[in-house]
Amino acid sequence: MEGVFAANGPAIRSRHKVQAEMADVAPTLLAAMGLAVPSDMEGRVLTELFNTPPEVVLESPAPAQQGYSMDSVYSEQDQAILTQRLSDLGYLE
């Protein structure tokens, strides 16, 4: 599938074409805003898009991959609501 990706601003190179994938948009936006890019995020920062490429700071994987469980994040009531919603959507049986 092909598409169009457009960017504009003082830090963006004028009339420059880049080869990008859909997954490259999120890490590029995070880096452009000076935010850390999760190291497990798909895609890459489109550094060639910028006059001066942003400093890319990689962040460790999301807490769910560091041994956290749903129990430590959600209360029992929140877990019940989430479970019901996922079930209603057909994600759980």
N, C-alpha and C. Protein backbone atom coordinates (compact mmCIF):
# COMPACT_ATOMS: atom_id res chain seq x y z
N MET A 1 0.83 -1.18 0.00
CA MET A 1 0.00 0.00 0.00
C MET A 1 0.88 1.25 0.00
N GLU A 2 0.49 2.23 -0.73
CA GLU A 2 1.25 3.47 -0.78
C GLU A 2 0.42 4.60 -0.20
N GLY A 3 1.09 5.60 0.29
CA GLY A 3 0.40 6.75 0.86
C GLY A 3 1.29 7.97 0.80
N VAL A 4 0.85 9.02 1.45
CA VAL A 4 1.58 10.28 1.46
C VAL A 4 1.84 10.67 2.91
N PHE A 5 3.05 11.07 3.18
CA PHE A 5 3.42 11.58 4.50
C PHE A 5 3.96 12.98 4.28
N ALA A 6 3.37 13.96 4.92
CA ALA A 6 3.81 15.35 4.77
C ALA A 6 4.17 15.92 6.13
N ALA A 7 5.21 16.71 6.15
CA ALA A 7 5.65 17.37 7.39
C ALA A 7 6.05 18.80 7.04
N ASN A 8 5.83 19.70 7.99
CA ASN A 8 6.16 21.10 7.77
C ASN A 8 6.58 21.72 9.09
N GLY A 9 7.48 22.66 9.03
CA GLY A 9 7.90 23.37 10.23
C GLY A 9 9.32 23.85 10.08
N PRO A 10 9.78 24.67 11.02
CA PRO A 10 11.12 25.25 10.91
C PRO A 10 12.23 24.20 10.99
N ALA A 11 11.99 23.07 11.62
CA ALA A 11 13.03 22.04 11.75
C ALA A 11 13.01 21.04 10.61
N ILE A 12 12.00 21.12 9.74
CA ILE A 12 11.83 20.14 8.67
C ILE A 12 12.54 20.60 7.40
N ARG A 13 13.27 19.67 6.78
CA ARG A 13 13.95 19.96 5.51
C ARG A 13 12.92 20.25 4.44
N SER A 14 13.14 21.28 3.66
CA SER A 14 12.23 21.69 2.60
C SER A 14 12.35 20.78 1.38
N ARG A 15 11.24 20.36 0.87
CA ARG A 15 11.15 19.58 -0.38
C ARG A 15 12.04 18.34 -0.36
N HIS A 16 12.08 17.67 0.74
CA HIS A 16 12.91 16.48 0.87
C HIS A 16 12.00 15.25 0.90
N LYS A 17 12.31 14.27 0.09
CA LYS A 17 11.53 13.03 0.06
C LYS A 17 12.18 12.01 0.98
N VAL A 18 11.35 11.26 1.69
CA VAL A 18 11.85 10.20 2.57
C VAL A 18 11.12 8.90 2.25
N GLN A 19 11.78 7.81 2.49
CA GLN A 19 11.16 6.49 2.40
C GLN A 19 10.68 6.16 3.81
N ALA A 20 9.38 6.08 3.98
CA ALA A 20 8.83 5.87 5.31
C ALA A 20 7.80 4.77 5.30
N GLU A 21 7.66 4.16 6.43
CA GLU A 21 6.61 3.17 6.68
C GLU A 21 5.64 3.80 7.68
N MET A 22 4.44 3.28 7.74
CA MET A 22 3.44 3.79 8.69
C MET A 22 3.98 3.74 10.13
N ALA A 23 4.72 2.69 10.44
CA ALA A 23 5.25 2.53 11.79
C ALA A 23 6.29 3.58 12.15
N ASP A 24 6.84 4.30 11.16
CA ASP A 24 7.86 5.32 11.42
C ASP A 24 7.28 6.63 11.94
N VAL A 25 5.98 6.82 11.77
CA VAL A 25 5.36 8.10 12.15
C VAL A 25 5.43 8.34 13.65
N ALA A 26 5.02 7.36 14.46
CA ALA A 26 4.99 7.56 15.91
C ALA A 26 6.38 7.84 16.51
N PRO A 27 7.40 7.02 16.22
CA PRO A 27 8.71 7.34 16.80
C PRO A 27 9.27 8.68 16.31
N THR A 28 8.95 9.05 15.07
CA THR A 28 9.42 10.33 14.54
C THR A 28 8.77 11.49 15.28
N LEU A 29 7.46 11.39 15.52
CA LEU A 29 6.77 12.45 16.26
C LEU A 29 7.28 12.55 17.69
N LEU A 30 7.49 11.42 18.35
CA LEU A 30 8.01 11.45 19.72
C LEU A 30 9.38 12.13 19.77
N ALA A 31 10.27 11.74 18.87
CA ALA A 31 11.61 12.33 18.85
C ALA A 31 11.55 13.81 18.53
N ALA A 32 10.68 14.21 17.61
CA ALA A 32 10.55 15.62 17.23
C ALA A 32 10.08 16.47 18.40
N MET A 33 9.29 15.87 19.28
CA MET A 33 8.79 16.59 20.46
C MET A 33 9.75 16.49 21.64
N GLY A 34 10.90 15.83 21.44
CA GLY A 34 11.88 15.70 22.51
C GLY A 34 11.53 14.64 23.53
N LEU A 35 10.63 13.73 23.17
CA LEU A 35 10.21 12.67 24.09
C LEU A 35 10.97 11.38 23.79
N ALA A 36 11.07 10.53 24.79
CA ALA A 36 11.76 9.26 24.63
C ALA A 36 10.95 8.33 23.73
N VAL A 37 11.65 7.56 22.93
CA VAL A 37 11.03 6.57 22.05
C VAL A 37 11.21 5.21 22.71
N PRO A 38 10.12 4.49 22.99
CA PRO A 38 10.27 3.15 23.59
C PRO A 38 11.15 2.26 22.70
N SER A 39 12.08 1.56 23.32
CA SER A 39 13.02 0.75 22.55
C SER A 39 12.34 -0.41 21.84
N ASP A 40 11.15 -0.80 22.30
CA ASP A 40 10.44 -1.90 21.65
C ASP A 40 9.39 -1.41 20.65
N MET A 41 9.38 -0.11 20.36
CA MET A 41 8.42 0.45 19.42
C MET A 41 8.83 0.10 18.00
N GLU A 42 7.86 -0.30 17.19
CA GLU A 42 8.14 -0.58 15.79
C GLU A 42 8.44 0.72 15.06
N GLY A 43 9.15 0.63 13.97
CA GLY A 43 9.46 1.81 13.18
C GLY A 43 10.77 2.45 13.62
N ARG A 44 11.11 3.52 12.91
CA ARG A 44 12.35 4.23 13.20
C ARG A 44 12.08 5.72 13.15
N VAL A 45 12.98 6.49 13.71
CA VAL A 45 12.88 7.94 13.63
C VAL A 45 13.42 8.35 12.27
N LEU A 46 12.64 9.12 11.54
CA LEU A 46 13.02 9.58 10.21
C LEU A 46 13.96 10.78 10.34
N THR A 47 15.19 10.53 10.76
CA THR A 47 16.15 11.60 11.03
C THR A 47 16.46 12.42 9.78
N GLU A 48 16.37 11.80 8.61
CA GLU A 48 16.68 12.51 7.37
C GLU A 48 15.63 13.56 7.02
N LEU A 49 14.53 13.58 7.74
CA LEU A 49 13.45 14.53 7.52
C LEU A 49 13.78 15.92 8.09
N PHE A 50 14.72 15.97 9.03
CA PHE A 50 15.01 17.19 9.78
C PHE A 50 16.27 17.90 9.30
N ASN A 51 16.27 19.24 9.42
CA ASN A 51 17.48 20.03 9.15
C ASN A 51 18.58 19.60 10.11
N THR A 52 18.26 19.55 11.38
CA THR A 52 19.14 19.04 12.42
C THR A 52 18.40 17.90 13.09
N PRO A 53 18.83 16.67 12.88
CA PRO A 53 18.09 15.53 13.43
C PRO A 53 17.95 15.63 14.95
N PRO A 54 16.76 15.27 15.46
CA PRO A 54 16.56 15.31 16.91
C PRO A 54 17.40 14.23 17.58
N GLU A 55 17.75 14.48 18.82
CA GLU A 55 18.46 13.47 19.59
C GLU A 55 17.45 12.39 19.95
N VAL A 56 17.74 11.17 19.59
CA VAL A 56 16.82 10.07 19.85
C VAL A 56 17.20 9.43 21.17
N VAL A 57 16.27 9.48 22.11
CA VAL A 57 16.47 8.86 23.42
C VAL A 57 15.60 7.62 23.47
N LEU A 58 16.24 6.46 23.62
CA LEU A 58 15.47 5.22 23.71
C LEU A 58 15.10 4.96 25.16
N GLU A 59 13.87 4.56 25.36
CA GLU A 59 13.33 4.27 26.69
C GLU A 59 13.20 2.77 26.83
N SER A 60 13.38 2.24 28.05
CA SER A 60 13.22 0.81 28.24
C SER A 60 11.79 0.37 27.91
N PRO A 61 11.59 -0.93 27.68
CA PRO A 61 10.27 -1.42 27.32
C PRO A 61 9.18 -1.03 28.31
N ALA A 62 7.96 -1.06 27.82
CA ALA A 62 6.80 -0.70 28.64
C ALA A 62 6.71 -1.57 29.89
N PRO A 63 6.13 -1.05 30.97
CA PRO A 63 6.04 -1.80 32.23
C PRO A 63 5.43 -3.20 32.09
N ALA A 64 4.49 -3.40 31.18
CA ALA A 64 3.85 -4.70 31.03
C ALA A 64 4.88 -5.77 30.67
N GLN A 65 5.97 -5.37 30.04
CA GLN A 65 6.99 -6.33 29.65
C GLN A 65 8.08 -6.46 30.71
N GLN A 66 7.94 -5.77 31.81
CA GLN A 66 8.94 -5.83 32.87
C GLN A 66 8.42 -6.61 34.07
N GLY A 67 7.42 -7.44 33.86
CA GLY A 67 6.93 -8.28 34.94
C GLY A 67 5.77 -7.70 35.72
N TYR A 68 5.21 -6.58 35.30
CA TYR A 68 4.05 -6.03 35.96
C TYR A 68 2.85 -6.88 35.58
N SER A 69 1.92 -6.99 36.48
CA SER A 69 0.70 -7.71 36.15
C SER A 69 -0.46 -6.74 36.16
N MET A 70 -1.57 -7.17 35.56
CA MET A 70 -2.76 -6.34 35.53
C MET A 70 -3.23 -6.06 36.97
N ASP A 71 -2.95 -7.00 37.89
CA ASP A 71 -3.36 -6.82 39.28
C ASP A 71 -2.71 -5.60 39.92
N SER A 72 -1.46 -5.31 39.53
CA SER A 72 -0.76 -4.20 40.15
C SER A 72 -1.12 -2.85 39.53
N VAL A 73 -1.88 -2.86 38.44
CA VAL A 73 -2.22 -1.63 37.75
C VAL A 73 -3.67 -1.24 37.96
N TYR A 74 -4.57 -2.21 37.91
CA TYR A 74 -6.00 -1.94 37.99
C TYR A 74 -6.60 -2.44 39.31
N SER A 75 -7.56 -1.69 39.82
CA SER A 75 -8.30 -2.15 40.99
C SER A 75 -9.21 -3.29 40.55
N GLU A 76 -9.79 -4.02 41.50
CA GLU A 76 -10.69 -5.12 41.16
C GLU A 76 -11.87 -4.63 40.35
N GLN A 77 -12.41 -3.46 40.71
CA GLN A 77 -13.54 -2.90 39.99
C GLN A 77 -13.14 -2.55 38.56
N ASP A 78 -11.96 -1.91 38.38
CA ASP A 78 -11.48 -1.57 37.05
C ASP A 78 -11.23 -2.82 36.20
N GLN A 79 -10.70 -3.88 36.83
CA GLN A 79 -10.46 -5.13 36.12
C GLN A 79 -11.78 -5.73 35.63
N ALA A 80 -12.79 -5.67 36.47
CA ALA A 80 -14.10 -6.22 36.09
C ALA A 80 -14.70 -5.44 34.92
N ILE A 81 -14.58 -4.12 34.96
CA ILE A 81 -15.10 -3.28 33.87
C ILE A 81 -14.34 -3.57 32.58
N LEU A 82 -13.02 -3.63 32.67
CA LEU A 82 -12.19 -3.89 31.50
C LEU A 82 -12.49 -5.27 30.91
N THR A 83 -12.60 -6.26 31.77
CA THR A 83 -12.91 -7.62 31.33
C THR A 83 -14.26 -7.67 30.62
N GLN A 84 -15.25 -6.98 31.17
CA GLN A 84 -16.58 -6.97 30.57
C GLN A 84 -16.55 -6.28 29.20
N ARG A 85 -15.86 -5.17 29.11
CA ARG A 85 -15.78 -4.44 27.83
C ARG A 85 -15.08 -5.27 26.76
N LEU A 86 -13.97 -5.92 27.13
CA LEU A 86 -13.25 -6.76 26.17
C LEU A 86 -14.10 -7.96 25.75
N SER A 87 -14.86 -8.49 26.69
CA SER A 87 -15.76 -9.60 26.39
C SER A 87 -16.87 -9.15 25.43
N ASP A 88 -17.45 -7.97 25.69
CA ASP A 88 -18.50 -7.44 24.84
C ASP A 88 -18.00 -7.21 23.41
N LEU A 89 -16.73 -6.87 23.28
CA LEU A 89 -16.14 -6.63 21.97
C LEU A 89 -15.71 -7.93 21.27
N GLY A 90 -15.81 -9.04 21.98
CA GLY A 90 -15.46 -10.33 21.39
C GLY A 90 -14.01 -10.73 21.56
N TYR A 91 -13.25 -10.00 22.37
CA TYR A 91 -11.85 -10.33 22.60
C TYR A 91 -11.68 -11.45 23.63
N LEU A 92 -12.64 -11.61 24.50
CA LEU A 92 -12.59 -12.65 25.53
C LEU A 92 -13.83 -13.53 25.41
N GLU A 93 -13.66 -14.78 25.76
CA GLU A 93 -14.81 -15.69 25.73
C GLU A 93 -15.24 -16.04 27.12
